[in-house]
PDB file of N, CA and C in Angstrom:
ATOM      1  N   MET A   1      22.169 -21.246  24.140  1.00  0.00           N
ATOM      2  CA  MET A   1      23.463 -20.855  24.648  1.00  0.00           C
ATOM      3  C   MET A   1      23.329 -19.515  25.392  1.00  0.00           C
ATOM      4  N   ILE A   2      23.967 -19.433  26.533  1.00  0.00           N
ATOM      5  CA  ILE A   2      23.923 -18.214  27.345  1.00  0.00           C
ATOM      6  C   ILE A   2      24.837 -17.150  26.732  1.00  0.00           C
ATOM      7  N   CYS A   3      24.337 -15.922  26.675  1.00  0.00           N
ATOM      8  CA  CYS A   3      25.130 -14.827  26.103  1.00  0.00           C
ATOM      9  C   CYS A   3      26.309 -14.467  27.015  1.00  0.00           C
ATOM     10  N   GLN A   4      27.278 -13.779  26.448  1.00  0.00           N
ATOM     11  CA  GLN A   4      28.478 -13.407  27.197  1.00  0.00           C
ATOM     12  C   GLN A   4      28.167 -12.447  28.345  1.00  0.00           C
ATOM     13  N   HIS A   5      27.176 -11.559  28.152  1.00  0.00           N
ATOM     14  CA  HIS A   5      26.804 -10.634  29.228  1.00  0.00           C
ATOM     15  C   HIS A   5      26.358 -11.398  30.478  1.00  0.00           C
ATOM     16  N   LEU A   6      25.533 -12.420  30.279  1.00  0.00           N
ATOM     17  CA  LEU A   6      25.069 -13.214  31.417  1.00  0.00           C
ATOM     18  C   LEU A   6      26.222 -13.989  32.048  1.00  0.00           C
ATOM     19  N   LYS A   7      27.125 -14.505  31.233  1.00  0.00           N
ATOM     20  CA  LYS A   7      28.283 -15.238  31.755  1.00  0.00           C
ATOM     21  C   LYS A   7      29.183 -14.327  32.588  1.00  0.00           C
ATOM     22  N   ASP A   8      29.350 -13.086  32.153  1.00  0.00           N
ATOM     23  CA  ASP A   8      30.266 -12.150  32.808  1.00  0.00           C
ATOM     24  C   ASP A   8      29.654 -11.402  33.990  1.00  0.00           C
ATOM     25  N   ALA A   9      28.340 -11.470  34.154  1.00  0.00           N
ATOM     26  CA  ALA A   9      27.659 -10.690  35.189  1.00  0.00           C
ATOM     27  C   ALA A   9      28.133 -11.089  36.586  1.00  0.00           C
ATOM     28  N   THR A  10      28.365 -10.084  37.412  1.00  0.00           N
ATOM     29  CA  THR A  10      28.768 -10.294  38.802  1.00  0.00           C
ATOM     30  C   THR A  10      27.559 -10.084  39.701  1.00  0.00           C
ATOM     31  N   GLU A  11      27.764 -10.121  40.980  1.00  0.00           N
ATOM     32  CA  GLU A  11      26.677  -9.912  41.937  1.00  0.00           C
ATOM     33  C   GLU A  11      27.065  -8.775  42.871  1.00  0.00           C
ATOM     34  N   PRO A  12      26.895  -7.523  42.425  1.00  0.00           N
ATOM     35  CA  PRO A  12      27.269  -6.388  43.271  1.00  0.00           C
ATOM     36  C   PRO A  12      26.316  -6.242  44.459  1.00  0.00           C
ATOM     37  N   ALA A  13      26.808  -5.621  45.481  1.00  0.00           N
ATOM     38  CA  ALA A  13      25.947  -5.322  46.628  1.00  0.00           C
ATOM     39  C   ALA A  13      24.963  -4.226  46.227  1.00  0.00           C
ATOM     40  N   PRO A  14      23.723  -4.321  46.665  1.00  0.00           N
ATOM     41  CA  PRO A  14      22.765  -3.247  46.391  1.00  0.00           C
ATOM     42  C   PRO A  14      23.289  -1.928  46.934  1.00  0.00           C
ATOM     43  N   GLN A  15      22.933  -0.833  46.268  1.00  0.00           N
ATOM     44  CA  GLN A  15      23.428   0.485  46.668  1.00  0.00           C
ATOM     45  C   GLN A  15      22.947   0.896  48.051  1.00  0.00           C
ATOM     46  N   SER A  16      21.794   0.415  48.473  1.00  0.00           N
ATOM     47  CA  SER A  16      21.285   0.677  49.819  1.00  0.00           C
ATOM     48  C   SER A  16      20.118  -0.266  50.093  1.00  0.00           C
ATOM     49  N   GLU A  17      19.493  -0.131  51.248  1.00  0.00           N
ATOM     50  CA  GLU A  17      18.360  -0.983  51.606  1.00  0.00           C
ATOM     51  C   GLU A  17      17.090  -0.504  50.886  1.00  0.00           C
ATOM     52  N   TYR A  18      16.208  -1.439  50.574  1.00  0.00           N
ATOM     53  CA  TYR A  18      15.009  -1.093  49.813  1.00  0.00           C
ATOM     54  C   TYR A  18      13.743  -1.658  50.442  1.00  0.00           C
ATOM     55  N   ALA A  19      13.616  -1.537  51.730  1.00  0.00           N
ATOM     56  CA  ALA A  19      12.445  -2.058  52.425  1.00  0.00           C
ATOM     57  C   ALA A  19      11.164  -1.359  51.973  1.00  0.00           C
ATOM     58  N   ALA A  20      11.269  -0.115  51.527  1.00  0.00           N
ATOM     59  CA  ALA A  20      10.091   0.647  51.113  1.00  0.00           C
ATOM     60  C   ALA A  20       9.741   0.423  49.647  1.00  0.00           C
ATOM     61  N   GLY A  21      10.496  -0.409  48.938  1.00  0.00           N
ATOM     62  CA  GLY A  21      10.218  -0.667  47.529  1.00  0.00           C
ATOM     63  C   GLY A  21      11.144   0.098  46.614  1.00  0.00           C
ATOM     64  N   CYS A  22      10.692   0.385  45.419  1.00  0.00           N
ATOM     65  CA  CYS A  22      11.499   1.085  44.427  1.00  0.00           C
ATOM     66  C   CYS A  22      11.862   2.480  44.939  1.00  0.00           C
ATOM     67  N   PRO A  23      13.154   2.771  45.082  1.00  0.00           N
ATOM     68  CA  PRO A  23      13.550   4.075  45.635  1.00  0.00           C
ATOM     69  C   PRO A  23      13.076   5.253  44.795  1.00  0.00           C
ATOM     70  N   GLN A  24      13.078   5.109  43.472  1.00  0.00           N
ATOM     71  CA  GLN A  24      12.650   6.202  42.595  1.00  0.00           C
ATOM     72  C   GLN A  24      11.146   6.424  42.713  1.00  0.00           C
ATOM     73  N   CYS A  25      10.377   5.340  42.755  1.00  0.00           N
ATOM     74  CA  CYS A  25       8.931   5.470  42.940  1.00  0.00           C
ATOM     75  C   CYS A  25       8.628   6.081  44.306  1.00  0.00           C
ATOM     76  N   HIS A  26       9.308   5.591  45.325  1.00  0.00           N
ATOM     77  CA  HIS A  26       9.095   6.088  46.685  1.00  0.00           C
ATOM     78  C   HIS A  26       9.396   7.592  46.770  1.00  0.00           C
ATOM     79  N   ALA A  27      10.491   8.025  46.151  1.00  0.00           N
ATOM     80  CA  ALA A  27      10.871   9.446  46.165  1.00  0.00           C
ATOM     81  C   ALA A  27       9.825  10.312  45.476  1.00  0.00           C
ATOM     82  N   ALA A  28       9.154   9.734  44.469  1.00  0.00           N
ATOM     83  CA  ALA A  28       8.135  10.474  43.724  1.00  0.00           C
ATOM     84  C   ALA A  28       6.752  10.364  44.368  1.00  0.00           C
ATOM     85  N   GLY A  29       6.664   9.618  45.474  1.00  0.00           N
ATOM     86  CA  GLY A  29       5.368   9.439  46.130  1.00  0.00           C
ATOM     87  C   GLY A  29       4.490   8.429  45.425  1.00  0.00           C
ATOM     88  N   ASP A  30       5.067   7.630  44.553  1.00  0.00           N
ATOM     89  CA  ASP A  30       4.333   6.622  43.783  1.00  0.00           C
ATOM     90  C   ASP A  30       4.521   5.270  44.455  1.00  0.00           C
ATOM     91  N   HIS A  31       3.442   4.604  44.765  1.00  0.00           N
ATOM     92  CA  HIS A  31       3.526   3.313  45.441  1.00  0.00           C
ATOM     93  C   HIS A  31       2.946   2.200  44.581  1.00  0.00           C
ATOM     94  N   ASP A  32       2.956   2.385  43.255  1.00  0.00           N
ATOM     95  CA  ASP A  32       2.393   1.414  42.324  1.00  0.00           C
ATOM     96  C   ASP A  32       3.426   0.462  41.743  1.00  0.00           C
ATOM     97  N   TRP A  33       4.651   0.417  42.291  1.00  0.00           N
ATOM     98  CA  TRP A  33       5.667  -0.503  41.777  1.00  0.00           C
ATOM     99  C   TRP A  33       5.226  -1.935  42.052  1.00  0.00           C
ATOM    100  N   VAL A  34       5.700  -2.875  41.227  1.00  0.00           N
ATOM    101  CA  VAL A  34       5.274  -4.270  41.340  1.00  0.00           C
ATOM    102  C   VAL A  34       6.384  -5.142  41.929  1.00  0.00           C
ATOM    103  N   HIS A  35       7.525  -5.240  41.238  1.00  0.00           N
ATOM    104  CA  HIS A  35       8.653  -6.055  41.704  1.00  0.00           C
ATOM    105  C   HIS A  35       9.941  -5.253  41.561  1.00  0.00           C
ATOM    106  N   LEU A  36      10.945  -5.660  42.314  1.00  0.00           N
ATOM    107  CA  LEU A  36      12.234  -4.982  42.253  1.00  0.00           C
ATOM    108  C   LEU A  36      13.243  -5.784  41.444  1.00  0.00           C
ATOM    109  N   ARG A  37      14.171  -5.061  40.804  1.00  0.00           N
ATOM    110  CA  ARG A  37      15.251  -5.642  40.014  1.00  0.00           C
ATOM    111  C   ARG A  37      16.570  -5.032  40.469  1.00  0.00           C
ATOM    112  N   LEU A  38      17.667  -5.805  40.334  1.00  0.00           N
ATOM    113  CA  LEU A  38      19.007  -5.375  40.724  1.00  0.00           C
ATOM    114  C   LEU A  38      19.899  -5.346  39.497  1.00  0.00           C
ATOM    115  N   CYS A  39      20.513  -4.211  39.207  1.00  0.00           N
ATOM    116  CA  CYS A  39      21.473  -4.100  38.111  1.00  0.00           C
ATOM    117  C   CYS A  39      22.738  -4.834  38.527  1.00  0.00           C
ATOM    118  N   LEU A  40      23.197  -5.769  37.698  1.00  0.00           N
ATOM    119  CA  LEU A  40      24.363  -6.563  38.051  1.00  0.00           C
ATOM    120  C   LEU A  40      25.670  -5.892  37.644  1.00  0.00           C
ATOM    121  N   THR A  41      25.607  -4.678  37.143  1.00  0.00           N
ATOM    122  CA  THR A  41      26.813  -3.901  36.881  1.00  0.00           C
ATOM    123  C   THR A  41      27.137  -2.990  38.056  1.00  0.00           C
ATOM    124  N   CYS A  42      26.110  -2.290  38.569  1.00  0.00           N
ATOM    125  CA  CYS A  42      26.382  -1.256  39.576  1.00  0.00           C
ATOM    126  C   CYS A  42      25.617  -1.407  40.890  1.00  0.00           C
ATOM    127  N   GLY A  43      24.670  -2.341  40.981  1.00  0.00           N
ATOM    128  CA  GLY A  43      23.918  -2.511  42.214  1.00  0.00           C
ATOM    129  C   GLY A  43      22.688  -1.634  42.339  1.00  0.00           C
ATOM    130  N   TYR A  44      22.344  -0.909  41.289  1.00  0.00           N
ATOM    131  CA  TYR A  44      21.156  -0.057  41.269  1.00  0.00           C
ATOM    132  C   TYR A  44      19.915  -0.938  41.435  1.00  0.00           C
ATOM    133  N   VAL A  45      18.980  -0.537  42.257  1.00  0.00           N
ATOM    134  CA  VAL A  45      17.730  -1.262  42.455  1.00  0.00           C
ATOM    135  C   VAL A  45      16.586  -0.389  41.974  1.00  0.00           C
ATOM    136  N   ALA A  46      15.688  -0.993  41.203  1.00  0.00           N
ATOM    137  CA  ALA A  46      14.564  -0.241  40.645  1.00  0.00           C
ATOM    138  C   ALA A  46      13.415  -1.192  40.318  1.00  0.00           C
ATOM    139  N   CYS A  47      12.290  -0.614  39.941  1.00  0.00           N
ATOM    140  CA  CYS A  47      11.101  -1.410  39.651  1.00  0.00           C
ATOM    141  C   CYS A  47      11.160  -2.057  38.264  1.00  0.00           C
ATOM    142  N   CYS A  48      10.348  -3.088  38.109  1.00  0.00           N
ATOM    143  CA  CYS A  48      10.320  -3.910  36.896  1.00  0.00           C
ATOM    144  C   CYS A  48       9.442  -3.300  35.798  1.00  0.00           C
ATOM    145  N   ASP A  49       9.400  -3.988  34.663  1.00  0.00           N
ATOM    146  CA  ASP A  49       8.596  -3.522  33.535  1.00  0.00           C
ATOM    147  C   ASP A  49       7.095  -3.695  33.745  1.00  0.00           C
ATOM    148  N   SER A  50       6.682  -4.470  34.739  1.00  0.00           N
ATOM    149  CA  SER A  50       5.262  -4.564  35.067  1.00  0.00           C
ATOM    150  C   SER A  50       4.803  -3.375  35.910  1.00  0.00           C
ATOM    151  N   SER A  51       5.752  -2.597  36.385  1.00  0.00           N
ATOM    152  CA  SER A  51       5.459  -1.384  37.150  1.00  0.00           C
ATOM    153  C   SER A  51       5.260  -0.224  36.178  1.00  0.00           C
ATOM    154  N   PRO A  52       4.388   0.718  36.495  1.00  0.00           N
ATOM    155  CA  PRO A  52       4.128   1.834  35.577  1.00  0.00           C
ATOM    156  C   PRO A  52       5.372   2.629  35.177  1.00  0.00           C
ATOM    157  N   ALA A  53       6.292   2.855  36.094  1.00  0.00           N
ATOM    158  CA  ALA A  53       7.450   3.710  35.806  1.00  0.00           C
ATOM    159  C   ALA A  53       8.594   2.978  35.100  1.00  0.00           C
ATOM    160  N   ARG A  54       8.655   1.665  35.210  1.00  0.00           N
ATOM    161  CA  ARG A  54       9.690   0.848  34.539  1.00  0.00           C
ATOM    162  C   ARG A  54      11.105   1.416  34.755  1.00  0.00           C
ATOM    163  N   HIS A  55      11.443   1.696  36.013  1.00  0.00           N
ATOM    164  CA  HIS A  55      12.721   2.340  36.314  1.00  0.00           C
ATOM    165  C   HIS A  55      13.950   1.515  35.942  1.00  0.00           C
ATOM    166  N   MET A  56      13.886   0.170  36.025  1.00  0.00           N
ATOM    167  CA  MET A  56      15.071  -0.614  35.654  1.00  0.00           C
ATOM    168  C   MET A  56      15.316  -0.543  34.149  1.00  0.00           C
ATOM    169  N   SER A  57      14.292  -0.577  33.342  1.00  0.00           N
ATOM    170  CA  SER A  57      14.471  -0.426  31.890  1.00  0.00           C
ATOM    171  C   SER A  57      15.012   0.960  31.564  1.00  0.00           C
ATOM    172  N   ALA A  58      14.549   1.967  32.289  1.00  0.00           N
ATOM    173  CA  ALA A  58      15.068   3.327  32.086  1.00  0.00           C
ATOM    174  C   ALA A  58      16.542   3.391  32.470  1.00  0.00           C
ATOM    175  N   HIS A  59      16.935   2.682  33.516  1.00  0.00           N
ATOM    176  CA  HIS A  59      18.341   2.630  33.930  1.00  0.00           C
ATOM    177  C   HIS A  59      19.181   1.988  32.824  1.00  0.00           C
ATOM    178  N   HIS A  60      18.692   0.903  32.275  1.00  0.00           N
ATOM    179  CA  HIS A  60      19.421   0.252  31.169  1.00  0.00           C
ATOM    180  C   HIS A  60      19.563   1.206  29.985  1.00  0.00           C
ATOM    181  N   ALA A  61      18.502   1.892  29.625  1.00  0.00           N
ATOM    182  CA  ALA A  61      18.546   2.826  28.490  1.00  0.00           C
ATOM    183  C   ALA A  61      19.533   3.964  28.730  1.00  0.00           C
ATOM    184  N   ALA A  62      19.578   4.458  29.958  1.00  0.00           N
ATOM    185  CA  ALA A  62      20.455   5.592  30.282  1.00  0.00           C
ATOM    186  C   ALA A  62      21.918   5.180  30.466  1.00  0.00           C
ATOM    187  N   GLU A  63      22.152   4.035  31.095  1.00  0.00           N
ATOM    188  CA  GLU A  63      23.502   3.631  31.475  1.00  0.00           C
ATOM    189  C   GLU A  63      24.113   2.556  30.586  1.00  0.00           C
ATOM    190  N   GLY A  64      23.264   1.798  29.891  1.00  0.00           N
ATOM    191  CA  GLY A  64      23.772   0.729  29.034  1.00  0.00           C
ATOM    192  C   GLY A  64      24.210  -0.516  29.779  1.00  0.00           C
ATOM    193  N   HIS A  65      23.874  -0.634  31.050  1.00  0.00           N
ATOM    194  CA  HIS A  65      24.238  -1.829  31.812  1.00  0.00           C
ATOM    195  C   HIS A  65      23.352  -2.980  31.335  1.00  0.00           C
ATOM    196  N   PRO A  66      23.947  -4.061  30.849  1.00  0.00           N
ATOM    197  CA  PRO A  66      23.163  -5.065  30.139  1.00  0.00           C
ATOM    198  C   PRO A  66      22.351  -6.047  30.968  1.00  0.00           C
ATOM    199  N   VAL A  67      22.788  -6.392  32.190  1.00  0.00           N
ATOM    200  CA  VAL A  67      22.144  -7.499  32.908  1.00  0.00           C
ATOM    201  C   VAL A  67      21.585  -7.054  34.254  1.00  0.00           C
ATOM    202  N   MET A  68      20.359  -7.508  34.513  1.00  0.00           N
ATOM    203  CA  MET A  68      19.736  -7.303  35.818  1.00  0.00           C
ATOM    204  C   MET A  68      19.230  -8.656  36.271  1.00  0.00           C
ATOM    205  N   ARG A  69      18.919  -8.730  37.566  1.00  0.00           N
ATOM    206  CA  ARG A  69      18.281  -9.938  38.090  1.00  0.00           C
ATOM    207  C   ARG A  69      17.110  -9.534  38.954  1.00  0.00           C
ATOM    208  N   SER A  70      16.244 -10.504  39.194  1.00  0.00           N
ATOM    209  CA  SER A  70      15.147 -10.266  40.114  1.00  0.00           C
ATOM    210  C   SER A  70      15.719  -9.983  41.497  1.00  0.00           C
ATOM    211  N   PHE A  71      15.139  -9.021  42.186  1.00  0.00           N
ATOM    212  CA  PHE A  71      15.549  -8.686  43.547  1.00  0.00           C
ATOM    213  C   PHE A  71      14.433  -9.079  44.516  1.00  0.00           C
ATOM    214  N   GLU A  72      13.625 -10.041  44.098  1.00  0.00           N
ATOM    215  CA  GLU A  72      12.542 -10.549  44.927  1.00  0.00           C
ATOM    216  C   GLU A  72      13.047 -11.745  45.735  1.00  0.00           C
ATOM    217  N   PRO A  73      12.605 -11.900  46.969  1.00  0.00           N
ATOM    218  CA  PRO A  73      13.042 -13.025  47.797  1.00  0.00           C
ATOM    219  C   PRO A  73      12.793 -14.364  47.100  1.00  0.00           C
ATOM    220  N   GLY A  74      13.812 -15.208  47.083  1.00  0.00           N
ATOM    221  CA  GLY A  74      13.696 -16.537  46.506  1.00  0.00           C
ATOM    222  C   GLY A  74      13.852 -16.614  44.998  1.00  0.00           C
ATOM    223  N   GLU A  75      14.005 -15.489  44.316  1.00  0.00           N
ATOM    224  CA  GLU A  75      14.169 -15.487  42.852  1.00  0.00           C
ATOM    225  C   GLU A  75      15.617 -15.152  42.495  1.00  0.00           C
ATOM    226  N   THR A  76      16.168 -15.887  41.553  1.00  0.00           N
ATOM    227  CA  THR A  76      17.557 -15.661  41.153  1.00  0.00           C
ATOM    228  C   THR A  76      17.725 -15.501  39.649  1.00  0.00           C
ATOM    229  N   TRP A  77      16.637 -15.463  38.891  1.00  0.00           N
ATOM    230  CA  TRP A  77      16.764 -15.374  37.435  1.00  0.00           C
ATOM    231  C   TRP A  77      17.349 -14.027  37.026  1.00  0.00           C
ATOM    232  N   ARG A  78      17.998 -14.046  35.862  1.00  0.00           N
ATOM    233  CA  ARG A  78      18.653 -12.852  35.308  1.00  0.00           C
ATOM    234  C   ARG A  78      18.107 -12.576  33.914  1.00  0.00           C
ATOM    235  N   TRP A  79      18.235 -11.323  33.482  1.00  0.00           N
ATOM    236  CA  TRP A  79      17.793 -10.914  32.151  1.00  0.00           C
ATOM    237  C   TRP A  79      18.858 -10.032  31.514  1.00  0.00           C
ATOM    238  N   CYS A  80      19.211 -10.352  30.271  1.00  0.00           N
ATOM    239  CA  CYS A  80      20.131  -9.524  29.513  1.00  0.00           C
ATOM    240  C   CYS A  80      19.302  -8.668  28.554  1.00  0.00           C
ATOM    241  N   TYR A  81      19.326  -7.367  28.762  1.00  0.00           N
ATOM    242  CA  TYR A  81      18.592  -6.455  27.891  1.00  0.00           C
ATOM    243  C   TYR A  81      19.180  -6.438  26.478  1.00  0.00           C
ATOM    244  N   ASP A  82      20.503  -6.459  26.366  1.00  0.00           N
ATOM    245  CA  ASP A  82      21.153  -6.351  25.051  1.00  0.00           C
ATOM    246  C   ASP A  82      20.823  -7.538  24.158  1.00  0.00           C
ATOM    247  N   ASP A  83      20.837  -8.736  24.713  1.00  0.00           N
ATOM    248  CA  ASP A  83      20.607  -9.938  23.923  1.00  0.00           C
ATOM    249  C   ASP A  83      19.209 -10.512  24.105  1.00  0.00           C
ATOM    250  N   GLU A  84      18.398  -9.843  24.923  1.00  0.00           N
ATOM    251  CA  GLU A  84      17.036 -10.294  25.217  1.00  0.00           C
ATOM    252  C   GLU A  84      17.027 -11.774  25.561  1.00  0.00           C
ATOM    253  N   GLN A  85      17.824 -12.107  26.575  1.00  0.00           N
ATOM    254  CA  GLN A  85      17.984 -13.498  26.964  1.00  0.00           C
ATOM    255  C   GLN A  85      17.832 -13.655  28.464  1.00  0.00           C
ATOM    256  N   LEU A  86      17.098 -14.698  28.841  1.00  0.00           N
ATOM    257  CA  LEU A  86      16.914 -15.051  30.238  1.00  0.00           C
ATOM    258  C   LEU A  86      18.012 -16.018  30.647  1.00  0.00           C
ATOM    259  N   GLY A  87      18.557 -15.823  31.818  1.00  0.00           N
ATOM    260  CA  GLY A  87      19.623 -16.720  32.259  1.00  0.00           C
ATOM    261  C   GLY A  87      19.551 -17.025  33.728  1.00  0.00           C
TER     262      GLY A  87
END
């Protein structure tokens, strides 16, 4: 059964363009990010947990926004951090 967070998640517009990759990694001069993720609460874009900095997990820890989705071309899967559920 899909959790309520995944059911309620919207699709906000990304906060800005991310052609250069993870904005936080790019700002720090780090180019080791792997994949991008989109916060479905606020549109924040950041790197995944396979990336050294794990900026999307840090965003969840700081803001409490429960659901993100892959921001990679052709991928639409979502992840709920609170319920540890894929949707």
